[in-house]
C-alpha atoms as a PDB file:
ATOM      1  CA  MET A   1     -46.300 -54.607 -33.978  1.00  0.00           C
ATOM      2  CA  ILE A   2     -45.948 -58.384 -33.576  1.00  0.00           C
ATOM      3  CA  VAL A   3     -43.809 -57.892 -30.481  1.00  0.00           C
ATOM      4  CA  PHE A   4     -46.412 -55.629 -28.860  1.00  0.00           C
ATOM      5  CA  VAL A   5     -49.250 -58.057 -29.599  1.00  0.00           C
ATOM      6  CA  ALA A   6     -47.216 -61.100 -28.510  1.00  0.00           C
ATOM      7  CA  GLN A   7     -46.053 -59.587 -25.243  1.00  0.00           C
ATOM      8  CA  TYR A   8     -48.456 -56.826 -24.192  1.00  0.00           C
ATOM      9  CA  LEU A   9     -51.919 -57.319 -25.719  1.00  0.00           C
ATOM     10  CA  LEU A  10     -52.646 -59.775 -22.916  1.00  0.00           C
ATOM     11  CA  PHE A  11     -52.243 -56.934 -20.392  1.00  0.00           C
ATOM     12  CA  VAL A  12     -54.683 -54.833 -22.428  1.00  0.00           C
ATOM     13  CA  MET A  13     -57.102 -57.781 -22.258  1.00  0.00           C
ATOM     14  CA  VAL A  14     -56.721 -57.957 -18.470  1.00  0.00           C
ATOM     15  CA  ALA A  15     -57.454 -54.236 -18.186  1.00  0.00           C
ATOM     16  CA  GLY A  16     -60.433 -54.603 -20.540  1.00  0.00           C
ATOM     17  CA  PHE A  17     -61.736 -57.505 -18.461  1.00  0.00           C
ATOM     18  CA  ALA A  18     -61.505 -55.340 -15.329  1.00  0.00           C
ATOM     19  CA  VAL A  19     -63.460 -52.551 -17.044  1.00  0.00           C
ATOM     20  CA  PHE A  20     -66.064 -55.052 -18.286  1.00  0.00           C
ATOM     21  CA  TRP A  21     -66.371 -56.471 -14.776  1.00  0.00           C
ATOM     22  CA  LEU A  22     -66.701 -53.034 -13.160  1.00  0.00           C
ATOM     23  CA  LEU A  23     -69.012 -51.337 -15.655  1.00  0.00           C
ATOM     24  CA  GLY A  24     -70.759 -54.072 -17.580  1.00  0.00           C
ATOM     25  CA  GLU A  25     -72.157 -56.212 -14.813  1.00  0.00           C
ATOM     26  CA  ASP A  26     -74.739 -55.919 -12.091  1.00  0.00           C
ATOM     27  CA  ARG A  27     -73.925 -57.117  -8.574  1.00  0.00           C
ATOM     28  CA  ALA A  28     -74.859 -60.764  -9.221  1.00  0.00           C
ATOM     29  CA  GLY A  29     -72.887 -60.725 -12.474  1.00  0.00           C
ATOM     30  CA  LYS A  30     -69.844 -59.292 -10.714  1.00  0.00           C
ATOM     31  CA  VAL A  31     -69.948 -62.032  -8.094  1.00  0.00           C
ATOM     32  CA  GLN A  32     -70.338 -64.802 -10.651  1.00  0.00           C
ATOM     33  CA  LEU A  33     -67.742 -63.418 -13.060  1.00  0.00           C
ATOM     34  CA  GLY A  34     -65.264 -62.731 -10.263  1.00  0.00           C
ATOM     35  CA  GLY A  35     -65.677 -66.200  -8.800  1.00  0.00           C
ATOM     36  CA  ALA A  36     -65.383 -67.784 -12.226  1.00  0.00           C
ATOM     37  CA  ALA A  37     -62.216 -65.797 -12.918  1.00  0.00           C
ATOM     38  CA  VAL A  38     -60.579 -66.951  -9.685  1.00  0.00           C
ATOM     39  CA  ILE A  39     -61.537 -70.596 -10.187  1.00  0.00           C
ATOM     40  CA  GLY A  40     -60.603 -70.421 -13.876  1.00  0.00           C
ATOM     41  CA  LEU A  41     -57.218 -68.900 -13.066  1.00  0.00           C
ATOM     42  CA  VAL A  42     -56.435 -71.647 -10.562  1.00  0.00           C
ATOM     43  CA  LEU A  43     -57.543 -74.317 -13.035  1.00  0.00           C
ATOM     44  CA  GLY A  44     -55.533 -72.661 -15.803  1.00  0.00           C
ATOM     45  CA  VAL A  45     -52.359 -72.865 -13.717  1.00  0.00           C
ATOM     46  CA  VAL A  46     -53.084 -76.517 -12.895  1.00  0.00           C
ATOM     47  CA  PHE A  47     -53.696 -77.266 -16.586  1.00  0.00           C
ATOM     48  CA  LEU A  48     -50.468 -75.449 -17.515  1.00  0.00           C
ATOM     49  CA  VAL A  49     -48.353 -77.463 -15.086  1.00  0.00           C
ATOM     50  CA  VAL A  50     -49.964 -80.823 -15.875  1.00  0.00           C
ATOM     51  CA  ALA A  51     -49.859 -80.330 -19.656  1.00  0.00           C
ATOM     52  CA  GLY A  52     -46.221 -79.227 -19.458  1.00  0.00           C
ATOM     53  CA  LYS A  53     -45.345 -82.415 -17.557  1.00  0.00           C
ATOM     54  CA  VAL A  54     -47.304 -84.654 -19.948  1.00  0.00           C
ATOM     55  CA  HIS A  55     -45.941 -83.199 -23.205  1.00  0.00           C
ATOM     56  CA  ALA A  56     -42.654 -81.432 -23.932  1.00  0.00           C
ATOM     57  CA  ASP A  57     -42.259 -79.261 -27.004  1.00  0.00           C
ATOM     58  CA  PRO A  58     -39.045 -77.303 -27.504  1.00  0.00           C
ATOM     59  CA  ARG A  59     -39.607 -73.754 -28.638  1.00  0.00           C
ATOM     60  CA  PRO A  60     -39.125 -73.095 -32.372  1.00  0.00           C
ATOM     61  CA  PHE A  61     -35.878 -71.151 -31.890  1.00  0.00           C
ATOM     62  CA  VAL A  62     -34.484 -73.993 -29.751  1.00  0.00           C
ATOM     63  CA  GLN A  63     -35.536 -76.667 -32.216  1.00  0.00           C
ATOM     64  CA  ASN A  64     -34.228 -74.707 -35.215  1.00  0.00           C
ATOM     65  CA  PRO A  65     -31.222 -72.501 -34.378  1.00  0.00           C
ATOM     66  CA  GLY A  66     -31.746 -70.675 -37.677  1.00  0.00           C
ATOM     67  CA  LEU A  67     -34.895 -69.071 -36.262  1.00  0.00           C
ATOM     68  CA  HIS A  68     -34.450 -66.059 -34.034  1.00  0.00           C
ATOM     69  CA  PRO A  69     -37.205 -64.969 -31.661  1.00  0.00           C
ATOM     70  CA  LEU A  70     -38.361 -61.381 -32.030  1.00  0.00           C
ATOM     71  CA  PHE A  71     -37.728 -60.798 -28.314  1.00  0.00           C
ATOM     72  CA  ARG A  72     -35.680 -62.461 -25.594  1.00  0.00           C
ATOM     73  CA  HIS A  73     -37.259 -65.611 -24.263  1.00  0.00           C
ATOM     74  CA  ALA A  74     -36.294 -68.518 -22.030  1.00  0.00           C
ATOM     75  CA  ARG A  75     -35.326 -71.776 -23.720  1.00  0.00           C
ATOM     76  CA  ASP A  76     -37.828 -73.802 -21.677  1.00  0.00           C
ATOM     77  CA  ASN A  77     -40.748 -76.036 -22.660  1.00  0.00           C
ATOM     78  CA  GLY A  78     -43.148 -74.145 -24.905  1.00  0.00           C
ATOM     79  CA  PHE A  79     -46.159 -76.399 -24.355  1.00  0.00           C
ATOM     80  CA  PRO A  80     -48.735 -75.078 -23.634  1.00  0.00           C
ATOM     81  CA  SER A  81     -48.540 -71.331 -24.107  1.00  0.00           C
ATOM     82  CA  ASP A  82     -49.285 -69.591 -20.815  1.00  0.00           C
ATOM     83  CA  HIS A  83     -50.173 -66.378 -22.660  1.00  0.00           C
ATOM     84  CA  SER A  84     -52.726 -68.311 -24.707  1.00  0.00           C
ATOM     85  CA  ILE A  85     -54.209 -69.970 -21.622  1.00  0.00           C
ATOM     86  CA  ALA A  86     -54.744 -66.566 -20.015  1.00  0.00           C
ATOM     87  CA  ALA A  87     -56.120 -65.048 -23.235  1.00  0.00           C
ATOM     88  CA  GLY A  88     -58.479 -67.996 -23.766  1.00  0.00           C
ATOM     89  CA  LEU A  89     -59.662 -67.789 -20.159  1.00  0.00           C
ATOM     90  CA  ILE A  90     -60.433 -64.068 -20.368  1.00  0.00           C
ATOM     91  CA  ALA A  91     -62.106 -64.277 -23.788  1.00  0.00           C
ATOM     92  CA  THR A  92     -64.320 -67.191 -22.773  1.00  0.00           C
ATOM     93  CA  LEU A  93     -65.377 -65.588 -19.484  1.00  0.00           C
ATOM     94  CA  VAL A  94     -66.467 -62.447 -21.320  1.00  0.00           C
ATOM     95  CA  LEU A  95     -68.115 -64.494 -24.083  1.00  0.00           C
ATOM     96  CA  LEU A  96     -70.228 -66.298 -21.486  1.00  0.00           C
ATOM     97  CA  ARG A  97     -71.661 -62.926 -20.415  1.00  0.00           C
ATOM     98  CA  SER A  98     -71.738 -60.912 -23.675  1.00  0.00           C
ATOM     99  CA  ARG A  99     -71.593 -62.048 -27.290  1.00  0.00           C
ATOM    100  CA  LEU A 100     -70.398 -58.702 -28.646  1.00  0.00           C
ATOM    101  CA  TYR A 101     -67.623 -58.048 -26.146  1.00  0.00           C
ATOM    102  CA  GLY A 102     -66.807 -61.736 -26.042  1.00  0.00           C
ATOM    103  CA  ALA A 103     -66.221 -61.728 -29.796  1.00  0.00           C
ATOM    104  CA  LEU A 104     -63.843 -58.770 -29.434  1.00  0.00           C
ATOM    105  CA  PHE A 105     -61.950 -60.505 -26.637  1.00  0.00           C
ATOM    106  CA  ALA A 106     -61.844 -63.738 -28.683  1.00  0.00           C
ATOM    107  CA  LEU A 107     -60.323 -61.828 -31.588  1.00  0.00           C
ATOM    108  CA  ALA A 108     -57.719 -60.361 -29.239  1.00  0.00           C
ATOM    109  CA  ALA A 109     -56.953 -63.847 -27.843  1.00  0.00           C
ATOM    110  CA  PHE A 110     -56.479 -65.183 -31.370  1.00  0.00           C
ATOM    111  CA  CYS A 111     -54.139 -62.268 -32.144  1.00  0.00           C
ATOM    112  CA  VAL A 112     -52.062 -62.973 -29.016  1.00  0.00           C
ATOM    113  CA  ALA A 113     -51.763 -66.636 -29.990  1.00  0.00           C
ATOM    114  CA  ALA A 114     -50.883 -65.887 -33.625  1.00  0.00           C
ATOM    115  CA  ALA A 115     -48.304 -63.284 -32.614  1.00  0.00           C
ATOM    116  CA  ARG A 116     -46.623 -65.774 -30.256  1.00  0.00           C
ATOM    117  CA  VAL A 117     -46.208 -68.124 -33.219  1.00  0.00           C
ATOM    118  CA  ALA A 118     -45.063 -65.312 -35.545  1.00  0.00           C
ATOM    119  CA  ALA A 119     -42.489 -64.223 -32.955  1.00  0.00           C
ATOM    120  CA  HIS A 120     -41.002 -67.776 -33.053  1.00  0.00           C
ATOM    121  CA  VAL A 121     -41.534 -68.449 -29.351  1.00  0.00           C
ATOM    122  CA  HIS A 122     -44.309 -71.071 -29.785  1.00  0.00           C
ATOM    123  CA  HIS A 123     -45.492 -73.678 -32.244  1.00  0.00           C
ATOM    124  CA  VAL A 124     -49.113 -73.659 -33.399  1.00  0.00           C
ATOM    125  CA  GLN A 125     -49.935 -76.664 -31.180  1.00  0.00           C
ATOM    126  CA  ASP A 126     -48.700 -74.746 -28.119  1.00  0.00           C
ATOM    127  CA  VAL A 127     -51.078 -71.834 -28.637  1.00  0.00           C
ATOM    128  CA  VAL A 128     -54.055 -73.936 -29.762  1.00  0.00           C
ATOM    129  CA  ALA A 129     -53.700 -76.088 -26.643  1.00  0.00           C
ATOM    130  CA  GLY A 130     -53.350 -72.932 -24.536  1.00  0.00           C
ATOM    131  CA  LEU A 131     -56.501 -71.337 -25.936  1.00  0.00           C
ATOM    132  CA  ALA A 132     -58.445 -74.577 -25.468  1.00  0.00           C
ATOM    133  CA  LEU A 133     -57.225 -75.106 -21.888  1.00  0.00           C
ATOM    134  CA  GLY A 134     -58.035 -71.497 -21.008  1.00  0.00           C
ATOM    135  CA  ALA A 135     -61.543 -71.864 -22.444  1.00  0.00           C
ATOM    136  CA  ILE A 136     -62.117 -75.124 -20.561  1.00  0.00           C
ATOM    137  CA  ALA A 137     -60.931 -73.534 -17.314  1.00  0.00           C
ATOM    138  CA  ALA A 138     -63.305 -70.597 -17.870  1.00  0.00           C
ATOM    139  CA  VAL A 139     -66.337 -72.796 -18.533  1.00  0.00           C
ATOM    140  CA  ILE A 140     -65.647 -75.000 -15.506  1.00  0.00           C
ATOM    141  CA  GLY A 141     -65.098 -71.921 -13.329  1.00  0.00           C
ATOM    142  CA  TYR A 142     -68.301 -70.310 -14.590  1.00  0.00           C
ATOM    143  CA  TYR A 143     -70.518 -73.313 -13.904  1.00  0.00           C
ATOM    144  CA  VAL A 144     -68.895 -74.172 -10.575  1.00  0.00           C
ATOM    145  CA  THR A 145     -69.426 -70.592  -9.440  1.00  0.00           C
ATOM    146  CA  ALA A 146     -73.044 -70.669 -10.613  1.00  0.00           C
ATOM    147  CA  ALA A 147     -73.650 -73.919  -8.714  1.00  0.00           C
ATOM    148  CA  VAL A 148     -72.063 -72.558  -5.538  1.00  0.00           C
ATOM    149  CA  LEU A 149     -74.068 -69.334  -5.769  1.00  0.00           C
ATOM    150  CA  ARG A 150     -77.316 -71.257  -6.289  1.00  0.00           C
ATOM    151  CA  ARG A 151     -76.497 -73.340  -3.257  1.00  0.00           C
ATOM    152  CA  LEU A 152     -75.639 -70.307  -1.134  1.00  0.00           C
ATOM    153  CA  GLN A 153     -78.449 -68.042  -2.273  1.00  0.00           C
ATOM    154  CA  GLY A 154     -81.221 -70.544  -2.817  1.00  0.00           C
ATOM    155  CA  ARG A 155     -81.805 -71.137  -6.516  1.00  0.00           C
ATOM    156  CA  VAL A 156     -80.779 -67.763  -7.922  1.00  0.00           C
ATOM    157  CA  ARG A 157     -81.048 -67.960 -11.706  1.00  0.00           C
ATOM    158  CA  LEU A 158     -77.913 -66.595 -13.398  1.00  0.00           C
ATOM    159  CA  PRO A 159     -78.631 -66.232 -17.132  1.00  0.00           C
ATOM    160  CA  LEU A 160     -76.174 -67.291 -19.786  1.00  0.00           C
ATOM    161  CA  VAL A 161     -75.727 -65.476 -23.056  1.00  0.00           C
ATOM    162  CA  GLY A 162     -78.355 -66.772 -25.438  1.00  0.00           C
ATOM    163  CA  ASP A 163     -80.637 -68.070 -22.701  1.00  0.00           C
ATOM    164  CA  LEU A 164     -83.935 -68.316 -24.535  1.00  0.00           C
ATOM    165  CA  SER A 165     -86.198 -68.985 -21.606  1.00  0.00           C
ATOM    166  CA  GLU A 166     -88.773 -66.314 -20.951  1.00  0.00           C
ATOM    167  CA  PRO A 167     -88.706 -64.335 -17.726  1.00  0.00           C
ATOM    168  CA  GLU A 168     -91.338 -65.257 -15.211  1.00  0.00           C
ATOM    169  CA  ARG A 169     -94.572 -63.328 -15.643  1.00  0.00           C
ATOM    170  CA  PRO A 170     -96.683 -62.248 -12.715  1.00  0.00           C
ATOM    171  CA  ALA A 171     -99.768 -64.384 -12.238  1.00  0.00           C
ATOM    172  CA  ARG A 172    -103.016 -62.933 -13.595  1.00  0.00           C
ATOM    173  CA  PRO A 173    -105.964 -62.688 -11.302  1.00  0.00           C
ATOM    174  CA  ALA A 174    -108.310 -65.619 -11.792  1.00  0.00           C
ATOM    175  CA  ARG A 175    -111.434 -64.942 -13.849  1.00  0.00           C
ATOM    176  CA  HIS A 176    -114.613 -66.178 -12.349  1.00  0.00           C
ATOM    177  CA  SER A 177    -117.188 -67.682 -14.620  1.00  0.00           C
ATOM    178  CA  VAL A 178    -119.901 -67.279 -12.031  1.00  0.00           C
ATOM    179  CA  ARG A 179    -121.864 -64.054 -12.281  1.00  0.00           C
ATOM    180  CA  PRO A 180    -122.059 -61.988  -9.148  1.00  0.00           C
ATOM    181  CA  ARG A 181    -125.420 -62.118  -7.409  1.00  0.00           C
ATOM    182  CA  ALA A 182    -127.598 -59.092  -7.608  1.00  0.00           C
END
């Protein structure tokens, strides 16, 4: 079970994200979520490369030869976890649009991260950094996309989850205090 979660639950999350995007969003939501996903993915890759250059962390089975990974894995730098970056990105993008589905995706992202540690292919710091970098990439992508769409479409309001502002109400006709003449 750990091997499936560590290696394949991320693909289930990607498929779930595609279903959420196709069925759970109106046209404006699809555009914003799609744009945010593309920008977030690019940022996630940049974060992965930069963080890997800044900090090196040998994988647990490299650091301790007594540990054996539950599946074959390269002996490269384990920081940050690319699986966790992707899981954090997906979970945060969905969470920005839906609390319920976002919570389910967040649980799945946590399970991916925990399974990577349990499989001895990452340390806890690798997956925590990955989840955080994925979430940051998602938030930046979401707000950059919203700003670009507002600029392109002329102040289109794209609601966030938990937006407490009231929708605009149509104006009421003015009441006249003057009596009509007879």
